[in-house]
Amino acid sequence: MDNRKWWNQLDDNWKNVFNKAISIKGEPTDSDLEQIVNLQKLDCPDKNEISDLEPLSDLEPLRTLTNLQELDCSGNEISDLEPLRALTNLRELDCYKNQLSDLE
């Protein structure tokens, strides 16, 4: 999938997370999108720390970030880690304070 199509399918919460990750506002350029999909570290802020973000409940958008090595998604409403299976470079995962029932 091309980066623009992937971006357009994201909900506003994920767009906010990625915009904050690379410090941009508004619609990303093609260069910004390339930077996003090649992120090696991503912090998905705790829903209680940033008022303009709703808690994240789905990690599906991360399937595209195959270079991701570190992910902090603590303090959200995530219940399924399955979308992370494709992230073979992922070395560090913090998913404290979520709604996980298993690690499969």
PDB file of N, CA and C in Angstrom:
ATOM      1  N   MET A   1       0.849  -1.176   0.000  1.00  0.00           N
ATOM      2  CA  MET A   1       0.000   0.000   0.000  1.00  0.00           C
ATOM      3  C   MET A   1       0.895   1.240   0.000  1.00  0.00           C
ATOM      4  N   ASP A   2       0.524   2.225  -0.777  1.00  0.00           N
ATOM      5  CA  ASP A   2       1.363   3.424  -0.775  1.00  0.00           C
ATOM      6  C   ASP A   2       1.095   4.241   0.492  1.00  0.00           C
ATOM      7  N   ASN A   3       2.065   5.062   0.840  1.00  0.00           N
ATOM      8  CA  ASN A   3       2.026   5.786   2.105  1.00  0.00           C
ATOM      9  C   ASN A   3       0.835   6.732   2.219  1.00  0.00           C
ATOM     10  N   ARG A   4       0.481   7.406   1.126  1.00  0.00           N
ATOM     11  CA  ARG A   4      -0.637   8.356   1.166  1.00  0.00           C
ATOM     12  C   ARG A   4      -1.952   7.621   1.410  1.00  0.00           C
ATOM     13  N   LYS A   5      -2.131   6.499   0.750  1.00  0.00           N
ATOM     14  CA  LYS A   5      -3.356   5.719   0.940  1.00  0.00           C
ATOM     15  C   LYS A   5      -3.434   5.224   2.387  1.00  0.00           C
ATOM     16  N   TRP A   6      -2.306   4.724   2.906  1.00  0.00           N
ATOM     17  CA  TRP A   6      -2.245   4.274   4.296  1.00  0.00           C
ATOM     18  C   TRP A   6      -2.641   5.419   5.230  1.00  0.00           C
ATOM     19  N   TRP A   7      -2.059   6.601   5.006  1.00  0.00           N
ATOM     20  CA  TRP A   7      -2.339   7.760   5.856  1.00  0.00           C
ATOM     21  C   TRP A   7      -3.823   8.123   5.817  1.00  0.00           C
ATOM     22  N   ASN A   8      -4.399   8.151   4.641  1.00  0.00           N
ATOM     23  CA  ASN A   8      -5.797   8.548   4.491  1.00  0.00           C
ATOM     24  C   ASN A   8      -6.759   7.590   5.180  1.00  0.00           C
ATOM     25  N   GLN A   9      -6.325   6.356   5.423  1.00  0.00           N
ATOM     26  CA  GLN A   9      -7.177   5.379   6.096  1.00  0.00           C
ATOM     27  C   GLN A   9      -7.072   5.446   7.623  1.00  0.00           C
ATOM     28  N   LEU A  10      -6.120   6.208   8.132  1.00  0.00           N
ATOM     29  CA  LEU A  10      -5.947   6.320   9.582  1.00  0.00           C
ATOM     30  C   LEU A  10      -7.051   7.160  10.207  1.00  0.00           C
ATOM     31  N   ASP A  11      -7.404   6.820  11.461  1.00  0.00           N
ATOM     32  CA  ASP A  11      -8.336   7.690  12.171  1.00  0.00           C
ATOM     33  C   ASP A  11      -7.565   8.880  12.747  1.00  0.00           C
ATOM     34  N   ASP A  12      -8.295   9.862  13.232  1.00  0.00           N
ATOM     35  CA  ASP A  12      -7.667  11.095  13.718  1.00  0.00           C
ATOM     36  C   ASP A  12      -6.718  10.853  14.887  1.00  0.00           C
ATOM     37  N   ASN A  13      -7.030   9.879  15.738  1.00  0.00           N
ATOM     38  CA  ASN A  13      -6.146   9.594  16.870  1.00  0.00           C
ATOM     39  C   ASN A  13      -4.762   9.180  16.395  1.00  0.00           C
ATOM     40  N   TRP A  14      -4.709   8.261  15.432  1.00  0.00           N
ATOM     41  CA  TRP A  14      -3.412   7.819  14.921  1.00  0.00           C
ATOM     42  C   TRP A  14      -2.705   8.944  14.177  1.00  0.00           C
ATOM     43  N   LYS A  15      -3.438   9.740  13.431  1.00  0.00           N
ATOM     44  CA  LYS A  15      -2.813  10.878  12.742  1.00  0.00           C
ATOM     45  C   LYS A  15      -2.166  11.817  13.756  1.00  0.00           C
ATOM     46  N   ASN A  16      -2.852  12.060  14.872  1.00  0.00           N
ATOM     47  CA  ASN A  16      -2.283  12.905  15.924  1.00  0.00           C
ATOM     48  C   ASN A  16      -1.013  12.294  16.508  1.00  0.00           C
ATOM     49  N   VAL A  17      -1.030  10.988  16.763  1.00  0.00           N
ATOM     50  CA  VAL A  17       0.152  10.308  17.309  1.00  0.00           C
ATOM     51  C   VAL A  17       1.339  10.474  16.365  1.00  0.00           C
ATOM     52  N   PHE A  18       1.129  10.207  15.088  1.00  0.00           N
ATOM     53  CA  PHE A  18       2.226  10.295  14.121  1.00  0.00           C
ATOM     54  C   PHE A  18       2.677  11.741  13.898  1.00  0.00           C
ATOM     55  N   ASN A  19       1.733  12.675  13.865  1.00  0.00           N
ATOM     56  CA  ASN A  19       2.112  14.087  13.728  1.00  0.00           C
ATOM     57  C   ASN A  19       2.994  14.522  14.887  1.00  0.00           C
ATOM     58  N   LYS A  20       2.637  14.100  16.101  1.00  0.00           N
ATOM     59  CA  LYS A  20       3.449  14.441  17.269  1.00  0.00           C
ATOM     60  C   LYS A  20       4.807  13.748  17.211  1.00  0.00           C
ATOM     61  N   ALA A  21       4.838  12.536  16.679  1.00  0.00           N
ATOM     62  CA  ALA A  21       6.089  11.768  16.624  1.00  0.00           C
ATOM     63  C   ALA A  21       7.148  12.448  15.770  1.00  0.00           C
ATOM     64  N   ILE A  22       6.718  13.132  14.703  1.00  0.00           N
ATOM     65  CA  ILE A  22       7.703  13.804  13.849  1.00  0.00           C
ATOM     66  C   ILE A  22       7.559  15.327  13.899  1.00  0.00           C
ATOM     67  N   SER A  23       6.796  15.796  14.871  1.00  0.00           N
ATOM     68  CA  SER A  23       6.652  17.239  15.141  1.00  0.00           C
ATOM     69  C   SER A  23       6.144  18.045  13.951  1.00  0.00           C
ATOM     70  N   ILE A  24       5.008  17.608  13.404  1.00  0.00           N
ATOM     71  CA  ILE A  24       4.366  18.384  12.338  1.00  0.00           C
ATOM     72  C   ILE A  24       2.924  18.676  12.731  1.00  0.00           C
ATOM     73  N   LYS A  25       2.332  19.619  12.039  1.00  0.00           N
ATOM     74  CA  LYS A  25       0.920  19.936  12.215  1.00  0.00           C
ATOM     75  C   LYS A  25       0.272  19.866  10.846  1.00  0.00           C
ATOM     76  N   GLY A  26      -0.940  19.363  10.818  1.00  0.00           N
ATOM     77  CA  GLY A  26      -1.658  19.325   9.555  1.00  0.00           C
ATOM     78  C   GLY A  26      -1.286  18.127   8.702  1.00  0.00           C
ATOM     79  N   GLU A  27      -1.565  18.269   7.435  1.00  0.00           N
ATOM     80  CA  GLU A  27      -1.364  17.183   6.470  1.00  0.00           C
ATOM     81  C   GLU A  27       0.126  16.990   6.180  1.00  0.00           C
ATOM     82  N   PRO A  28       0.631  15.765   6.312  1.00  0.00           N
ATOM     83  CA  PRO A  28       2.057  15.526   6.059  1.00  0.00           C
ATOM     84  C   PRO A  28       2.391  15.529   4.568  1.00  0.00           C
ATOM     85  N   THR A  29       3.611  15.926   4.272  1.00  0.00           N
ATOM     86  CA  THR A  29       4.125  15.839   2.905  1.00  0.00           C
ATOM     87  C   THR A  29       4.516  14.389   2.630  1.00  0.00           C
ATOM     88  N   ASP A  30       4.863  14.087   1.391  1.00  0.00           N
ATOM     89  CA  ASP A  30       5.341  12.744   1.063  1.00  0.00           C
ATOM     90  C   ASP A  30       6.607  12.415   1.844  1.00  0.00           C
ATOM     91  N   SER A  31       7.454  13.403   2.030  1.00  0.00           N
ATOM     92  CA  SER A  31       8.676  13.218   2.815  1.00  0.00           C
ATOM     93  C   SER A  31       8.349  12.912   4.277  1.00  0.00           C
ATOM     94  N   ASP A  32       7.355  13.610   4.829  1.00  0.00           N
ATOM     95  CA  ASP A  32       6.910  13.340   6.201  1.00  0.00           C
ATOM     96  C   ASP A  32       6.387  11.912   6.328  1.00  0.00           C
ATOM     97  N   LEU A  33       5.605  11.485   5.352  1.00  0.00           N
ATOM     98  CA  LEU A  33       5.052  10.128   5.381  1.00  0.00           C
ATOM     99  C   LEU A  33       6.159   9.085   5.337  1.00  0.00           C
ATOM    100  N   GLU A  34       7.174   9.342   4.540  1.00  0.00           N
ATOM    101  CA  GLU A  34       8.319   8.432   4.474  1.00  0.00           C
ATOM    102  C   GLU A  34       9.000   8.352   5.843  1.00  0.00           C
ATOM    103  N   GLN A  35       9.120   9.494   6.487  1.00  0.00           N
ATOM    104  CA  GLN A  35       9.720   9.531   7.822  1.00  0.00           C
ATOM    105  C   GLN A  35       8.866   8.740   8.822  1.00  0.00           C
ATOM    106  N   ILE A  36       7.554   8.871   8.740  1.00  0.00           N
ATOM    107  CA  ILE A  36       6.650   8.157   9.645  1.00  0.00           C
ATOM    108  C   ILE A  36       6.770   6.653   9.460  1.00  0.00           C
ATOM    109  N   VAL A  37       6.676   6.171   8.232  1.00  0.00           N
ATOM    110  CA  VAL A  37       6.701   4.720   8.024  1.00  0.00           C
ATOM    111  C   VAL A  37       8.068   4.113   8.320  1.00  0.00           C
ATOM    112  N   ASN A  38       9.093   4.943   8.442  1.00  0.00           N
ATOM    113  CA  ASN A  38      10.426   4.446   8.779  1.00  0.00           C
ATOM    114  C   ASN A  38      10.828   4.726  10.226  1.00  0.00           C
ATOM    115  N   LEU A  39       9.859   5.126  11.049  1.00  0.00           N
ATOM    116  CA  LEU A  39      10.160   5.365  12.457  1.00  0.00           C
ATOM    117  C   LEU A  39      10.760   4.119  13.097  1.00  0.00           C
ATOM    118  N   GLN A  40      11.734   4.327  13.968  1.00  0.00           N
ATOM    119  CA  GLN A  40      12.316   3.226  14.730  1.00  0.00           C
ATOM    120  C   GLN A  40      11.823   3.226  16.169  1.00  0.00           C
ATOM    121  N   LYS A  41      11.331   4.364  16.619  1.00  0.00           N
ATOM    122  CA  LYS A  41      10.822   4.490  17.983  1.00  0.00           C
ATOM    123  C   LYS A  41       9.522   5.273  17.942  1.00  0.00           C
ATOM    124  N   LEU A  42       8.522   4.791  18.684  1.00  0.00           N
ATOM    125  CA  LEU A  42       7.238   5.481  18.718  1.00  0.00           C
ATOM    126  C   LEU A  42       6.662   5.421  20.122  1.00  0.00           C
ATOM    127  N   ASP A  43       6.280   6.585  20.625  1.00  0.00           N
ATOM    128  CA  ASP A  43       5.575   6.687  21.893  1.00  0.00           C
ATOM    129  C   ASP A  43       4.139   7.073  21.593  1.00  0.00           C
ATOM    130  N   CYS A  44       3.217   6.233  22.010  1.00  0.00           N
ATOM    131  CA  CYS A  44       1.793   6.521  21.871  1.00  0.00           C
ATOM    132  C   CYS A  44       1.332   7.014  23.233  1.00  0.00           C
ATOM    133  N   PRO A  45       1.195   8.306  23.401  1.00  0.00           N
ATOM    134  CA  PRO A  45       0.992   8.897  24.724  1.00  0.00           C
ATOM    135  C   PRO A  45      -0.172   8.302  25.497  1.00  0.00           C
ATOM    136  N   ASP A  46       0.054   8.220  26.797  1.00  0.00           N
ATOM    137  CA  ASP A  46      -0.987   7.814  27.730  1.00  0.00           C
ATOM    138  C   ASP A  46      -2.177   8.744  27.537  1.00  0.00           C
ATOM    139  N   LYS A  47      -3.353   8.167  27.447  1.00  0.00           N
ATOM    140  CA  LYS A  47      -4.566   8.960  27.213  1.00  0.00           C
ATOM    141  C   LYS A  47      -4.767  10.048  28.256  1.00  0.00           C
ATOM    142  N   ASN A  48      -4.198   9.873  29.454  1.00  0.00           N
ATOM    143  CA  ASN A  48      -4.367  10.859  30.520  1.00  0.00           C
ATOM    144  C   ASN A  48      -3.359  12.000  30.438  1.00  0.00           C
ATOM    145  N   GLU A  49      -2.329  11.849  29.608  1.00  0.00           N
ATOM    146  CA  GLU A  49      -1.279  12.857  29.534  1.00  0.00           C
ATOM    147  C   GLU A  49      -1.537  13.939  28.493  1.00  0.00           C
ATOM    148  N   ILE A  50      -2.261  13.604  27.446  1.00  0.00           N
ATOM    149  CA  ILE A  50      -2.489  14.565  26.361  1.00  0.00           C
ATOM    150  C   ILE A  50      -3.988  14.669  26.110  1.00  0.00           C
ATOM    151  N   SER A  51      -4.538  15.828  26.354  1.00  0.00           N
ATOM    152  CA  SER A  51      -5.988  15.995  26.333  1.00  0.00           C
ATOM    153  C   SER A  51      -6.616  15.883  24.947  1.00  0.00           C
ATOM    154  N   ASP A  52      -5.869  16.146  23.887  1.00  0.00           N
ATOM    155  CA  ASP A  52      -6.479  16.110  22.554  1.00  0.00           C
ATOM    156  C   ASP A  52      -6.426  14.727  21.910  1.00  0.00           C
ATOM    157  N   LEU A  53      -5.963  13.717  22.651  1.00  0.00           N
ATOM    158  CA  LEU A  53      -5.915  12.357  22.121  1.00  0.00           C
ATOM    159  C   LEU A  53      -6.913  11.461  22.838  1.00  0.00           C
ATOM    160  N   GLU A  54      -7.637  10.696  22.069  1.00  0.00           N
ATOM    161  CA  GLU A  54      -8.478   9.651  22.631  1.00  0.00           C
ATOM    162  C   GLU A  54      -7.586   8.435  22.857  1.00  0.00           C
ATOM    163  N   PRO A  55      -7.955   7.554  23.776  1.00  0.00           N
ATOM    164  CA  PRO A  55      -7.136   6.358  23.969  1.00  0.00           C
ATOM    165  C   PRO A  55      -7.122   5.495  22.707  1.00  0.00           C
ATOM    166  N   LEU A  56      -5.981   4.927  22.430  1.00  0.00           N
ATOM    167  CA  LEU A  56      -5.847   4.037  21.278  1.00  0.00           C
ATOM    168  C   LEU A  56      -6.365   2.660  21.658  1.00  0.00           C
ATOM    169  N   SER A  57      -7.063   2.018  20.750  1.00  0.00           N
ATOM    170  CA  SER A  57      -7.588   0.684  21.031  1.00  0.00           C
ATOM    171  C   SER A  57      -7.137  -0.345  19.999  1.00  0.00           C
ATOM    172  N   ASP A  58      -6.520   0.100  18.922  1.00  0.00           N
ATOM    173  CA  ASP A  58      -6.168  -0.799  17.826  1.00  0.00           C
ATOM    174  C   ASP A  58      -4.769  -0.470  17.313  1.00  0.00           C
ATOM    175  N   LEU A  59      -3.912  -1.473  17.253  1.00  0.00           N
ATOM    176  CA  LEU A  59      -2.543  -1.280  16.768  1.00  0.00           C
ATOM    177  C   LEU A  59      -2.390  -1.588  15.280  1.00  0.00           C
ATOM    178  N   GLU A  60      -3.461  -1.858  14.604  1.00  0.00           N
ATOM    179  CA  GLU A  60      -3.429  -2.229  13.186  1.00  0.00           C
ATOM    180  C   GLU A  60      -2.611  -1.264  12.319  1.00  0.00           C
ATOM    181  N   PRO A  61      -2.710   0.055  12.519  1.00  0.00           N
ATOM    182  CA  PRO A  61      -1.934   0.973  11.671  1.00  0.00           C
ATOM    183  C   PRO A  61      -0.423   0.775  11.762  1.00  0.00           C
ATOM    184  N   LEU A  62       0.047   0.108  12.800  1.00  0.00           N
ATOM    185  CA  LEU A  62       1.491  -0.070  12.963  1.00  0.00           C
ATOM    186  C   LEU A  62       2.070  -1.157  12.065  1.00  0.00           C
ATOM    187  N   ARG A  63       1.243  -1.979  11.453  1.00  0.00           N
ATOM    188  CA  ARG A  63       1.746  -3.046  10.566  1.00  0.00           C
ATOM    189  C   ARG A  63       2.692  -2.500   9.500  1.00  0.00           C
ATOM    190  N   THR A  64       2.463  -1.289   9.076  1.00  0.00           N
ATOM    191  CA  THR A  64       3.257  -0.655   8.021  1.00  0.00           C
ATOM    192  C   THR A  64       4.643  -0.234   8.506  1.00  0.00           C
ATOM    193  N   LEU A  65       4.810  -0.065   9.796  1.00  0.00           N
ATOM    194  CA  LEU A  65       6.064   0.453  10.360  1.00  0.00           C
ATOM    195  C   LEU A  65       7.048  -0.687  10.641  1.00  0.00           C
ATOM    196  N   THR A  66       7.508  -1.337   9.601  1.00  0.00           N
ATOM    197  CA  THR A  66       8.335  -2.538   9.749  1.00  0.00           C
ATOM    198  C   THR A  66       9.731  -2.264  10.298  1.00  0.00           C
ATOM    199  N   ASN A  67      10.151  -1.008  10.355  1.00  0.00           N
ATOM    200  CA  ASN A  67      11.451  -0.666  10.940  1.00  0.00           C
ATOM    201  C   ASN A  67      11.353  -0.342  12.428  1.00  0.00           C
ATOM    202  N   LEU A  68      10.146  -0.379  12.969  1.00  0.00           N
ATOM    203  CA  LEU A  68       9.940  -0.001  14.362  1.00  0.00           C
ATOM    204  C   LEU A  68      10.693  -0.945  15.301  1.00  0.00           C
ATOM    205  N   GLN A  69      11.478  -0.363  16.207  1.00  0.00           N
ATOM    206  CA  GLN A  69      12.263  -1.135  17.168  1.00  0.00           C
ATOM    207  C   GLN A  69      11.767  -0.958  18.598  1.00  0.00           C
ATOM    208  N   GLU A  70      11.216   0.210  18.909  1.00  0.00           N
ATOM    209  CA  GLU A  70      10.740   0.499  20.263  1.00  0.00           C
ATOM    210  C   GLU A  70       9.337   1.090  20.188  1.00  0.00           C
ATOM    211  N   LEU A  71       8.437   0.527  21.008  1.00  0.00           N
ATOM    212  CA  LEU A  71       7.058   1.008  21.036  1.00  0.00           C
ATOM    213  C   LEU A  71       6.591   1.129  22.477  1.00  0.00           C
ATOM    214  N   ASP A  72       6.104   2.303  22.823  1.00  0.00           N
ATOM    215  CA  ASP A  72       5.472   2.519  24.122  1.00  0.00           C
ATOM    216  C   ASP A  72       4.020   2.879  23.854  1.00  0.00           C
ATOM    217  N   CYS A  73       3.132   1.967  24.174  1.00  0.00           N
ATOM    218  CA  CYS A  73       1.701   2.204  23.982  1.00  0.00           C
ATOM    219  C   CYS A  73       0.973   2.087  25.318  1.00  0.00           C
ATOM    220  N   SER A  74       1.681   2.341  26.401  1.00  0.00           N
ATOM    221  CA  SER A  74       1.097   2.207  27.735  1.00  0.00           C
ATOM    222  C   SER A  74      -0.005   3.237  27.967  1.00  0.00           C
ATOM    223  N   GLY A  75      -0.954   2.861  28.839  1.00  0.00           N
ATOM    224  CA  GLY A  75      -2.009   3.782  29.230  1.00  0.00           C
ATOM    225  C   GLY A  75      -3.080   4.018  28.193  1.00  0.00           C
ATOM    226  N   ASN A  76      -3.346   3.036  27.348  1.00  0.00           N
ATOM    227  CA  ASN A  76      -4.387   3.157  26.335  1.00  0.00           C
ATOM    228  C   ASN A  76      -5.454   2.092  26.565  1.00  0.00           C
ATOM    229  N   GLU A  77      -6.170   1.710  25.535  1.00  0.00           N
ATOM    230  CA  GLU A  77      -7.222   0.699  25.659  1.00  0.00           C
ATOM    231  C   GLU A  77      -7.000  -0.433  24.667  1.00  0.00           C
ATOM    232  N   ILE A  78      -5.759  -0.801  24.483  1.00  0.00           N
ATOM    233  CA  ILE A  78      -5.394  -1.841  23.523  1.00  0.00           C
ATOM    234  C   ILE A  78      -5.700  -3.211  24.110  1.00  0.00           C
ATOM    235  N   SER A  79      -6.337  -4.058  23.321  1.00  0.00           N
ATOM    236  CA  SER A  79      -6.686  -5.394  23.794  1.00  0.00           C
ATOM    237  C   SER A  79      -6.045  -6.499  22.965  1.00  0.00           C
ATOM    238  N   ASP A  80      -5.375  -6.142  21.866  1.00  0.00           N
ATOM    239  CA  ASP A  80      -4.830  -7.155  20.962  1.00  0.00           C
ATOM    240  C   ASP A  80      -3.473  -6.710  20.419  1.00  0.00           C
ATOM    241  N   LEU A  81      -2.470  -7.558  20.594  1.00  0.00           N
ATOM    242  CA  LEU A  81      -1.127  -7.257  20.099  1.00  0.00           C
ATOM    243  C   LEU A  81      -0.835  -7.909  18.749  1.00  0.00           C
ATOM    244  N   GLU A  82      -1.776  -8.633  18.193  1.00  0.00           N
ATOM    245  CA  GLU A  82      -1.569  -9.372  16.952  1.00  0.00           C
ATOM    246  C   GLU A  82      -0.993  -8.522  15.821  1.00  0.00           C
ATOM    247  N   PRO A  83      -1.417  -7.271  15.639  1.00  0.00           N
ATOM    248  CA  PRO A  83      -0.846  -6.474  14.541  1.00  0.00           C
ATOM    249  C   PRO A  83       0.664  -6.276  14.643  1.00  0.00           C
ATOM    250  N   LEU A  84       1.239  -6.524  15.809  1.00  0.00           N
ATOM    251  CA  LEU A  84       2.682  -6.344  15.985  1.00  0.00           C
ATOM    252  C   LEU A  84       3.492  -7.535  15.479  1.00  0.00           C
ATOM    253  N   ARG A  85       2.846  -8.637  15.163  1.00  0.00           N
ATOM    254  CA  ARG A  85       3.557  -9.838  14.688  1.00  0.00           C
ATOM    255  C   ARG A  85       4.444  -9.558  13.480  1.00  0.00           C
ATOM    256  N   ALA A  86       4.018  -8.664  12.627  1.00  0.00           N
ATOM    257  CA  ALA A  86       4.774  -8.354  11.405  1.00  0.00           C
ATOM    258  C   ALA A  86       6.001  -7.487  11.683  1.00  0.00           C
ATOM    259  N   LEU A  87       6.108  -6.955  12.882  1.00  0.00           N
ATOM    260  CA  LEU A  87       7.199  -6.038  13.211  1.00  0.00           C
ATOM    261  C   LEU A  87       8.393  -6.819  13.753  1.00  0.00           C
ATOM    262  N   THR A  88       9.112  -7.451  12.857  1.00  0.00           N
ATOM    263  CA  THR A  88      10.213  -8.337  13.260  1.00  0.00           C
ATOM    264  C   THR A  88      11.409  -7.593  13.833  1.00  0.00           C
ATOM    265  N   ASN A  89      11.475  -6.287  13.665  1.00  0.00           N
ATOM    266  CA  ASN A  89      12.561  -5.494  14.245  1.00  0.00           C
ATOM    267  C   ASN A  89      12.226  -4.966  15.636  1.00  0.00           C
ATOM    268  N   LEU A  90      10.995  -5.189  16.097  1.00  0.00           N
ATOM    269  CA  LEU A  90      10.575  -4.682  17.397  1.00  0.00           C
ATOM    270  C   LEU A  90      11.350  -5.383  18.507  1.00  0.00           C
ATOM    271  N   ARG A  91      12.052  -4.596  19.310  1.00  0.00           N
ATOM    272  CA  ARG A  91      12.890  -5.136  20.379  1.00  0.00           C
ATOM    273  C   ARG A  91      12.396  -4.744  21.762  1.00  0.00           C
ATOM    274  N   GLU A  92      11.676  -3.640  21.841  1.00  0.00           N
ATOM    275  CA  GLU A  92      11.223  -3.143  23.136  1.00  0.00           C
ATOM    276  C   GLU A  92       9.756  -2.747  23.034  1.00  0.00           C
ATOM    277  N   LEU A  93       8.950  -3.282  23.947  1.00  0.00           N
ATOM    278  CA  LEU A  93       7.515  -3.018  23.941  1.00  0.00           C
ATOM    279  C   LEU A  93       7.057  -2.722  25.361  1.00  0.00           C
ATOM    280  N   ASP A  94       6.419  -1.581  25.540  1.00  0.00           N
ATOM    281  CA  ASP A  94       5.822  -1.227  26.823  1.00  0.00           C
ATOM    282  C   ASP A  94       4.327  -1.076  26.585  1.00  0.00           C
ATOM    283  N   CYS A  95       3.553  -1.985  27.128  1.00  0.00           N
ATOM    284  CA  CYS A  95       2.102  -1.939  26.942  1.00  0.00           C
ATOM    285  C   CYS A  95       1.383  -1.986  28.292  1.00  0.00           C
ATOM    286  N   TYR A  96       2.020  -1.409  29.296  1.00  0.00           N
ATOM    287  CA  TYR A  96       1.473  -1.322  30.642  1.00  0.00           C
ATOM    288  C   TYR A  96       0.160  -0.540  30.635  1.00  0.00           C
ATOM    289  N   LYS A  97      -0.759  -0.932  31.492  1.00  0.00           N
ATOM    290  CA  LYS A  97      -2.050  -0.246  31.659  1.00  0.00           C
ATOM    291  C   LYS A  97      -2.864  -0.219  30.365  1.00  0.00           C
ATOM    292  N   ASN A  98      -3.124  -1.393  29.824  1.00  0.00           N
ATOM    293  CA  ASN A  98      -4.008  -1.551  28.681  1.00  0.00           C
ATOM    294  C   ASN A  98      -5.052  -2.600  29.035  1.00  0.00           C
ATOM    295  N   GLN A  99      -5.752  -3.104  28.053  1.00  0.00           N
ATOM    296  CA  GLN A  99      -6.802  -4.091  28.292  1.00  0.00           C
ATOM    297  C   GLN A  99      -6.428  -5.438  27.686  1.00  0.00           C
ATOM    298  N   LEU A 100      -5.181  -5.820  27.835  1.00  0.00           N
ATOM    299  CA  LEU A 100      -4.691  -7.075  27.268  1.00  0.00           C
ATOM    300  C   LEU A 100      -5.095  -8.252  28.145  1.00  0.00           C
ATOM    301  N   SER A 101      -5.556  -9.308  27.502  1.00  0.00           N
ATOM    302  CA  SER A 101      -5.901 -10.518  28.253  1.00  0.00           C
ATOM    303  C   SER A 101      -4.899 -11.638  27.992  1.00  0.00           C
ATOM    304  N   ASP A 102      -4.136 -11.535  26.900  1.00  0.00           N
ATOM    305  CA  ASP A 102      -3.068 -12.496  26.629  1.00  0.00           C
ATOM    306  C   ASP A 102      -2.026 -11.853  25.723  1.00  0.00           C
ATOM    307  N   LEU A 103      -0.904 -12.525  25.585  1.00  0.00           N
ATOM    308  CA  LEU A 103       0.197 -11.988  24.785  1.00  0.00           C
ATOM    309  C   LEU A 103       0.366 -12.723  23.462  1.00  0.00           C
ATOM    310  N   GLU A 104      -0.618 -13.441  23.023  1.00  0.00           N
ATOM    311  CA  GLU A 104      -0.559 -14.173  21.752  1.00  0.00           C
ATOM    312  C   GLU A 104      -0.585 -13.216  20.587  1.00  0.00           C
TER     313      GLU A 104
END
